[in-house]
Amino acid sequence: MAADKWLIVGLGNPGPAYSHNRHNVGYWCVNRLARLHGISLKARRLAAFGEGSIRGTPVLLAKPRTFVNRSGQAAASLLRNFKIKRQNMLVVCDDLDLTVGSLRLKPSGGHGGQKGLRSVIGAAGGDDFPRLRIGIGRPLV
């Protein structure tokens, strides 16, 4: 029996002006997974995405081409078009409240103030999907 496909969405802002911004850590993770597993991402209207497998599990890696607060449009479209269950979507995003480099993986839950997660929850119609938050810390003022 074939494993269900997973959608891994890395949140970030598109364009070269944001590419090195720590808020793009979700994009960085998807880029790294794509390189490690030989998955090429093709830019389309709402997202850059590519299909492949990670340790035998079919995956669709995606980076929304919308700004973070509209990431849900791309995520919902990919779920619908590739017939992936919402529970099989992992969203990778930054978290200001976690120390730099720390990780928090939760099976479901609210957005906790993260605008990208808020958008994904709204567009996908629920919060019953896992999310990986990566700590970027608060800026020193």
N, C-alpha and C. Protein backbone atom coordinates (compact mmCIF):
# COMPACT_ATOMS: atom_id res chain seq x y z
N MET A 1 0.84 -1.18 0.00
CA MET A 1 0.00 0.00 0.00
C MET A 1 0.89 1.24 0.00
N ALA A 2 0.62 2.17 -0.89
CA ALA A 2 1.42 3.38 -1.02
C ALA A 2 1.13 4.33 0.14
N ALA A 3 2.17 5.00 0.59
CA ALA A 3 2.02 5.98 1.66
C ALA A 3 1.30 7.21 1.13
N ASP A 4 0.53 7.86 1.99
CA ASP A 4 -0.13 9.10 1.61
C ASP A 4 0.91 10.18 1.35
N LYS A 5 0.61 11.04 0.39
CA LYS A 5 1.50 12.16 0.07
C LYS A 5 1.40 13.22 1.16
N TRP A 6 2.54 13.83 1.46
CA TRP A 6 2.63 14.93 2.41
C TRP A 6 2.95 16.22 1.67
N LEU A 7 2.33 17.30 2.10
CA LEU A 7 2.65 18.64 1.63
C LEU A 7 3.47 19.32 2.71
N ILE A 8 4.67 19.75 2.36
CA ILE A 8 5.52 20.49 3.30
C ILE A 8 5.62 21.92 2.78
N VAL A 9 5.05 22.85 3.54
CA VAL A 9 4.98 24.26 3.14
C VAL A 9 5.93 25.06 4.01
N GLY A 10 6.89 25.72 3.40
CA GLY A 10 7.79 26.62 4.12
C GLY A 10 7.32 28.05 3.95
N LEU A 11 7.06 28.73 5.06
CA LEU A 11 6.57 30.10 4.98
C LEU A 11 7.73 31.08 4.88
N GLY A 12 7.49 32.15 4.14
CA GLY A 12 8.48 33.20 3.96
C GLY A 12 7.91 34.24 3.02
N ASN A 13 8.71 35.25 2.74
CA ASN A 13 8.32 36.29 1.80
C ASN A 13 9.13 36.14 0.52
N PRO A 14 8.48 36.30 -0.64
CA PRO A 14 9.18 36.11 -1.90
C PRO A 14 10.08 37.30 -2.26
N GLY A 15 11.04 37.02 -3.12
CA GLY A 15 11.88 38.08 -3.68
C GLY A 15 13.23 38.19 -3.03
N PRO A 16 14.18 38.70 -3.80
CA PRO A 16 15.57 38.80 -3.33
C PRO A 16 15.75 39.72 -2.12
N ALA A 17 14.88 40.70 -1.96
CA ALA A 17 15.00 41.61 -0.82
C ALA A 17 14.79 40.89 0.51
N TYR A 18 14.10 39.76 0.48
CA TYR A 18 13.79 39.02 1.71
C TYR A 18 14.57 37.72 1.86
N SER A 19 15.35 37.35 0.86
CA SER A 19 15.94 36.00 0.84
C SER A 19 16.83 35.70 2.04
N HIS A 20 17.47 36.71 2.61
CA HIS A 20 18.36 36.46 3.75
C HIS A 20 17.74 36.90 5.07
N ASN A 21 16.46 37.23 5.04
CA ASN A 21 15.75 37.65 6.25
C ASN A 21 15.41 36.42 7.09
N ARG A 22 15.63 36.50 8.38
CA ARG A 22 15.41 35.34 9.25
C ARG A 22 13.96 34.88 9.27
N HIS A 23 13.03 35.75 8.92
CA HIS A 23 11.62 35.35 8.84
C HIS A 23 11.38 34.36 7.70
N ASN A 24 12.36 34.19 6.83
CA ASN A 24 12.24 33.25 5.71
C ASN A 24 12.77 31.87 6.04
N VAL A 25 12.90 31.55 7.30
CA VAL A 25 13.46 30.25 7.70
C VAL A 25 12.64 29.09 7.14
N GLY A 26 11.35 29.26 6.93
CA GLY A 26 10.52 28.21 6.33
C GLY A 26 10.95 27.94 4.89
N TYR A 27 11.23 29.01 4.14
CA TYR A 27 11.75 28.87 2.77
C TYR A 27 13.08 28.13 2.80
N TRP A 28 13.95 28.53 3.74
CA TRP A 28 15.28 27.92 3.81
C TRP A 28 15.17 26.42 4.02
N CYS A 29 14.24 25.99 4.88
CA CYS A 29 14.06 24.55 5.15
C CYS A 29 13.60 23.81 3.91
N VAL A 30 12.64 24.37 3.19
CA VAL A 30 12.16 23.71 1.97
C VAL A 30 13.28 23.65 0.94
N ASN A 31 14.05 24.73 0.80
CA ASN A 31 15.18 24.72 -0.14
C ASN A 31 16.17 23.62 0.22
N ARG A 32 16.45 23.47 1.49
CA ARG A 32 17.41 22.45 1.95
C ARG A 32 16.87 21.04 1.69
N LEU A 33 15.61 20.81 2.02
CA LEU A 33 15.01 19.50 1.75
C LEU A 33 15.05 19.19 0.25
N ALA A 34 14.75 20.18 -0.57
CA ALA A 34 14.76 19.98 -2.02
C ALA A 34 16.16 19.59 -2.50
N ARG A 35 17.18 20.28 -2.02
CA ARG A 35 18.57 19.95 -2.41
C ARG A 35 18.95 18.56 -1.94
N LEU A 36 18.68 18.25 -0.68
CA LEU A 36 19.07 16.96 -0.11
C LEU A 36 18.40 15.77 -0.80
N HIS A 37 17.18 15.98 -1.31
CA HIS A 37 16.42 14.86 -1.86
C HIS A 37 16.20 14.96 -3.36
N GLY A 38 16.95 15.87 -4.01
CA GLY A 38 16.89 15.97 -5.47
C GLY A 38 15.54 16.36 -6.03
N ILE A 39 14.85 17.23 -5.32
CA ILE A 39 13.53 17.68 -5.77
C ILE A 39 13.67 19.09 -6.33
N SER A 40 13.29 19.27 -7.60
CA SER A 40 13.39 20.61 -8.18
C SER A 40 12.05 21.33 -8.01
N LEU A 41 12.14 22.58 -7.63
CA LEU A 41 10.96 23.41 -7.41
C LEU A 41 10.71 24.25 -8.66
N LYS A 42 9.50 24.23 -9.14
CA LYS A 42 9.10 25.01 -10.30
C LYS A 42 8.17 26.13 -9.84
N ALA A 43 8.46 27.35 -10.28
CA ALA A 43 7.64 28.49 -9.89
C ALA A 43 6.35 28.51 -10.71
N ARG A 44 5.25 28.59 -10.02
CA ARG A 44 3.93 28.74 -10.64
C ARG A 44 3.32 30.02 -10.08
N ARG A 45 2.05 30.23 -10.36
CA ARG A 45 1.42 31.49 -9.97
C ARG A 45 1.44 31.73 -8.47
N LEU A 46 0.96 30.77 -7.67
CA LEU A 46 0.85 30.97 -6.23
C LEU A 46 2.00 30.42 -5.42
N ALA A 47 2.76 29.47 -5.99
CA ALA A 47 3.82 28.83 -5.21
C ALA A 47 4.89 28.24 -6.13
N ALA A 48 6.07 28.10 -5.56
CA ALA A 48 7.12 27.28 -6.19
C ALA A 48 7.00 25.93 -5.51
N PHE A 49 6.89 24.85 -6.29
CA PHE A 49 6.71 23.54 -5.67
C PHE A 49 7.32 22.45 -6.53
N GLY A 50 7.55 21.31 -5.90
CA GLY A 50 8.08 20.15 -6.59
C GLY A 50 7.73 18.88 -5.86
N GLU A 51 7.61 17.79 -6.62
CA GLU A 51 7.26 16.49 -6.05
C GLU A 51 8.47 15.58 -6.00
N GLY A 52 8.49 14.72 -5.00
CA GLY A 52 9.55 13.74 -4.85
C GLY A 52 9.23 12.83 -3.69
N SER A 53 10.28 12.25 -3.11
CA SER A 53 10.05 11.42 -1.92
C SER A 53 11.17 11.63 -0.93
N ILE A 54 10.83 11.48 0.33
CA ILE A 54 11.78 11.56 1.43
C ILE A 54 11.63 10.28 2.23
N ARG A 55 12.69 9.48 2.24
CA ARG A 55 12.67 8.19 2.93
C ARG A 55 11.45 7.34 2.56
N GLY A 56 11.13 7.33 1.28
CA GLY A 56 10.04 6.49 0.79
C GLY A 56 8.66 7.09 0.89
N THR A 57 8.54 8.26 1.49
CA THR A 57 7.24 8.92 1.61
C THR A 57 7.11 9.97 0.51
N PRO A 58 6.04 9.90 -0.29
CA PRO A 58 5.86 10.91 -1.33
C PRO A 58 5.59 12.28 -0.70
N VAL A 59 6.26 13.30 -1.24
CA VAL A 59 6.11 14.65 -0.71
C VAL A 59 5.92 15.65 -1.84
N LEU A 60 5.28 16.74 -1.49
CA LEU A 60 5.18 17.92 -2.32
C LEU A 60 5.77 19.04 -1.49
N LEU A 61 6.92 19.56 -1.90
CA LEU A 61 7.56 20.68 -1.20
C LEU A 61 7.06 21.97 -1.82
N ALA A 62 6.77 22.97 -0.99
CA ALA A 62 6.21 24.21 -1.54
C ALA A 62 6.66 25.43 -0.76
N LYS A 63 6.85 26.52 -1.52
CA LYS A 63 7.11 27.84 -0.96
C LYS A 63 6.10 28.79 -1.60
N PRO A 64 5.13 29.28 -0.81
CA PRO A 64 4.16 30.22 -1.37
C PRO A 64 4.87 31.43 -1.97
N ARG A 65 4.37 31.92 -3.10
CA ARG A 65 4.94 33.10 -3.74
C ARG A 65 4.19 34.36 -3.34
N THR A 66 3.26 34.20 -2.41
CA THR A 66 2.55 35.34 -1.85
C THR A 66 3.33 35.79 -0.62
N PHE A 67 3.02 36.94 -0.08
CA PHE A 67 3.65 37.34 1.16
C PHE A 67 3.08 36.49 2.29
N VAL A 68 3.80 36.41 3.40
CA VAL A 68 3.47 35.51 4.50
C VAL A 68 2.00 35.58 4.90
N ASN A 69 1.47 36.78 5.04
CA ASN A 69 0.10 36.90 5.54
C ASN A 69 -0.96 36.44 4.54
N ARG A 70 -0.54 35.97 3.36
CA ARG A 70 -1.46 35.41 2.37
C ARG A 70 -1.05 34.00 1.97
N SER A 71 -0.22 33.36 2.76
CA SER A 71 0.29 32.02 2.45
C SER A 71 -0.81 30.98 2.34
N GLY A 72 -1.90 31.21 3.01
CA GLY A 72 -3.00 30.26 3.00
C GLY A 72 -3.57 30.02 1.62
N GLN A 73 -3.57 31.05 0.77
CA GLN A 73 -4.07 30.89 -0.60
C GLN A 73 -3.32 29.77 -1.31
N ALA A 74 -2.01 29.81 -1.25
CA ALA A 74 -1.18 28.81 -1.92
C ALA A 74 -1.35 27.44 -1.28
N ALA A 75 -1.32 27.39 0.05
CA ALA A 75 -1.43 26.10 0.74
C ALA A 75 -2.76 25.42 0.43
N ALA A 76 -3.85 26.17 0.49
CA ALA A 76 -5.17 25.59 0.22
C ALA A 76 -5.28 25.13 -1.23
N SER A 77 -4.73 25.90 -2.14
CA SER A 77 -4.76 25.53 -3.56
C SER A 77 -3.99 24.23 -3.80
N LEU A 78 -2.83 24.08 -3.18
CA LEU A 78 -2.03 22.86 -3.33
C LEU A 78 -2.74 21.66 -2.71
N LEU A 79 -3.32 21.84 -1.54
CA LEU A 79 -4.08 20.75 -0.91
C LEU A 79 -5.19 20.26 -1.85
N ARG A 80 -5.90 21.21 -2.41
CA ARG A 80 -7.03 20.90 -3.28
C ARG A 80 -6.56 20.24 -4.59
N ASN A 81 -5.60 20.87 -5.26
CA ASN A 81 -5.17 20.39 -6.58
C ASN A 81 -4.45 19.04 -6.53
N PHE A 82 -3.74 18.77 -5.44
CA PHE A 82 -3.01 17.50 -5.33
C PHE A 82 -3.76 16.49 -4.46
N LYS A 83 -4.98 16.86 -4.03
CA LYS A 83 -5.83 15.97 -3.24
C LYS A 83 -5.10 15.41 -2.00
N ILE A 84 -4.48 16.32 -1.28
CA ILE A 84 -3.76 15.98 -0.05
C ILE A 84 -4.63 16.35 1.14
N LYS A 85 -4.73 15.47 2.11
CA LYS A 85 -5.51 15.75 3.31
C LYS A 85 -4.81 16.84 4.13
N ARG A 86 -5.61 17.71 4.70
CA ARG A 86 -5.06 18.80 5.53
C ARG A 86 -4.17 18.25 6.64
N GLN A 87 -4.51 17.10 7.18
CA GLN A 87 -3.73 16.49 8.26
C GLN A 87 -2.36 16.02 7.77
N ASN A 88 -2.16 15.97 6.46
CA ASN A 88 -0.87 15.58 5.87
C ASN A 88 -0.11 16.79 5.34
N MET A 89 -0.35 17.93 5.93
CA MET A 89 0.38 19.15 5.58
C MET A 89 1.22 19.56 6.79
N LEU A 90 2.51 19.72 6.57
CA LEU A 90 3.41 20.25 7.60
C LEU A 90 3.78 21.67 7.20
N VAL A 91 3.52 22.62 8.08
CA VAL A 91 3.88 24.01 7.82
C VAL A 91 5.11 24.35 8.65
N VAL A 92 6.13 24.89 8.00
CA VAL A 92 7.37 25.27 8.66
C VAL A 92 7.43 26.79 8.68
N CYS A 93 7.56 27.37 9.88
CA CYS A 93 7.54 28.82 10.00
C CYS A 93 8.48 29.30 11.10
N ASP A 94 8.70 30.60 11.12
CA ASP A 94 9.53 31.22 12.14
C ASP A 94 8.71 31.46 13.40
N ASP A 95 9.41 31.63 14.52
CA ASP A 95 8.76 31.95 15.78
C ASP A 95 9.66 32.90 16.56
N LEU A 96 9.18 34.12 16.75
CA LEU A 96 9.93 35.14 17.48
C LEU A 96 10.12 34.80 18.95
N ASP A 97 9.20 34.03 19.52
CA ASP A 97 9.23 33.75 20.95
C ASP A 97 10.12 32.57 21.33
N LEU A 98 10.62 31.85 20.34
CA LEU A 98 11.56 30.76 20.62
C LEU A 98 12.98 31.27 20.43
N THR A 99 13.89 30.77 21.25
CA THR A 99 15.28 31.19 21.10
C THR A 99 15.82 30.73 19.75
N VAL A 100 16.78 31.45 19.25
CA VAL A 100 17.35 31.18 17.93
C VAL A 100 17.78 29.72 17.81
N GLY A 101 17.26 29.08 16.77
CA GLY A 101 17.64 27.70 16.48
C GLY A 101 16.84 26.63 17.19
N SER A 102 16.01 27.01 18.15
CA SER A 102 15.22 25.98 18.84
C SER A 102 14.01 25.61 17.97
N LEU A 103 13.52 24.40 18.16
CA LEU A 103 12.42 23.88 17.35
C LEU A 103 11.24 23.50 18.24
N ARG A 104 10.04 23.69 17.70
CA ARG A 104 8.83 23.23 18.39
C ARG A 104 7.92 22.59 17.33
N LEU A 105 7.71 21.30 17.48
CA LEU A 105 6.83 20.56 16.58
C LEU A 105 5.54 20.25 17.31
N LYS A 106 4.41 20.67 16.73
CA LYS A 106 3.10 20.41 17.34
C LYS A 106 2.21 19.75 16.30
N PRO A 107 1.38 18.80 16.74
CA PRO A 107 0.51 18.09 15.80
C PRO A 107 -0.66 18.92 15.28
N SER A 108 -1.03 19.97 16.02
CA SER A 108 -2.14 20.85 15.62
C SER A 108 -2.13 22.03 16.58
N GLY A 109 -3.10 22.93 16.42
CA GLY A 109 -3.20 24.05 17.34
C GLY A 109 -3.44 25.36 16.64
N GLY A 110 -3.44 26.42 17.42
CA GLY A 110 -3.70 27.75 16.90
C GLY A 110 -2.49 28.36 16.22
N HIS A 111 -2.66 29.61 15.81
CA HIS A 111 -1.59 30.30 15.09
C HIS A 111 -0.60 30.99 16.01
N GLY A 112 -0.97 31.23 17.26
CA GLY A 112 -0.06 31.86 18.20
C GLY A 112 0.46 33.21 17.75
N GLY A 113 -0.33 33.92 16.95
CA GLY A 113 0.08 35.24 16.48
C GLY A 113 0.89 35.23 15.20
N GLN A 114 1.25 34.07 14.70
CA GLN A 114 2.04 33.97 13.46
C GLN A 114 1.09 34.20 12.28
N LYS A 115 1.31 35.29 11.53
CA LYS A 115 0.38 35.68 10.48
C LYS A 115 0.27 34.67 9.34
N GLY A 116 1.36 34.02 9.02
CA GLY A 116 1.32 33.00 7.97
C GLY A 116 0.48 31.82 8.39
N LEU A 117 0.68 31.36 9.62
CA LEU A 117 -0.14 30.25 10.14
C LEU A 117 -1.61 30.64 10.20
N ARG A 118 -1.88 31.87 10.61
CA ARG A 118 -3.27 32.35 10.65
C ARG A 118 -3.90 32.25 9.26
N SER A 119 -3.17 32.66 8.25
CA SER A 119 -3.66 32.60 6.88
C SER A 119 -3.90 31.16 6.42
N VAL A 120 -2.96 30.27 6.74
CA VAL A 120 -3.09 28.87 6.34
C VAL A 120 -4.29 28.22 7.03
N ILE A 121 -4.44 28.47 8.33
CA ILE A 121 -5.57 27.90 9.08
C ILE A 121 -6.89 28.37 8.47
N GLY A 122 -6.98 29.66 8.17
CA GLY A 122 -8.22 30.20 7.60
C GLY A 122 -8.52 29.63 6.22
N ALA A 123 -7.53 29.59 5.35
CA ALA A 123 -7.75 29.13 3.97
C ALA A 123 -7.94 27.62 3.89
N ALA A 124 -7.26 26.88 4.77
CA ALA A 124 -7.34 25.41 4.74
C ALA A 124 -8.59 24.91 5.46
N GLY A 125 -9.23 25.78 6.23
CA GLY A 125 -10.48 25.40 6.89
C GLY A 125 -10.32 24.68 8.22
N GLY A 126 -9.15 24.77 8.83
CA GLY A 126 -8.95 24.14 10.13
C GLY A 126 -7.50 24.17 10.55
N ASP A 127 -7.26 23.84 11.82
CA ASP A 127 -5.90 23.88 12.36
C ASP A 127 -5.36 22.50 12.70
N ASP A 128 -5.99 21.47 12.14
CA ASP A 128 -5.59 20.09 12.46
C ASP A 128 -4.51 19.57 11.51
N PHE A 129 -3.40 20.28 11.51
CA PHE A 129 -2.23 19.89 10.72
C PHE A 129 -0.99 20.20 11.55
N PRO A 130 0.08 19.43 11.36
CA PRO A 130 1.30 19.70 12.13
C PRO A 130 2.02 20.95 11.65
N ARG A 131 2.74 21.54 12.59
CA ARG A 131 3.55 22.71 12.25
C ARG A 131 4.87 22.63 13.00
N LEU A 132 5.91 23.05 12.32
CA LEU A 132 7.25 23.10 12.91
C LEU A 132 7.63 24.56 13.00
N ARG A 133 7.77 25.03 14.22
CA ARG A 133 8.18 26.42 14.46
C ARG A 133 9.68 26.43 14.74
N ILE A 134 10.36 27.34 14.09
CA ILE A 134 11.81 27.47 14.26
C ILE A 134 12.09 28.81 14.91
N GLY A 135 12.79 28.78 16.03
CA GLY A 135 13.07 30.00 16.77
C GLY A 135 14.02 30.93 16.03
N ILE A 136 13.60 32.20 15.95
CA ILE A 136 14.47 33.23 15.38
C ILE A 136 14.76 34.32 16.41
N GLY A 137 14.15 34.21 17.60
CA GLY A 137 14.37 35.19 18.66
C GLY A 137 13.80 36.55 18.30
N ARG A 138 13.77 37.40 19.29
CA ARG A 138 13.31 38.78 19.07
C ARG A 138 14.51 39.65 18.73
N PRO A 139 14.28 40.67 17.91
CA PRO A 139 15.40 41.56 17.57
C PRO A 139 15.91 42.30 18.80
N LEU A 140 17.20 42.52 18.83
CA LEU A 140 17.79 43.31 19.92
C LEU A 140 17.49 44.77 19.66
N VAL A 141 16.93 45.44 20.66
CA VAL A 141 16.54 46.84 20.46
C VAL A 141 17.45 47.74 21.23
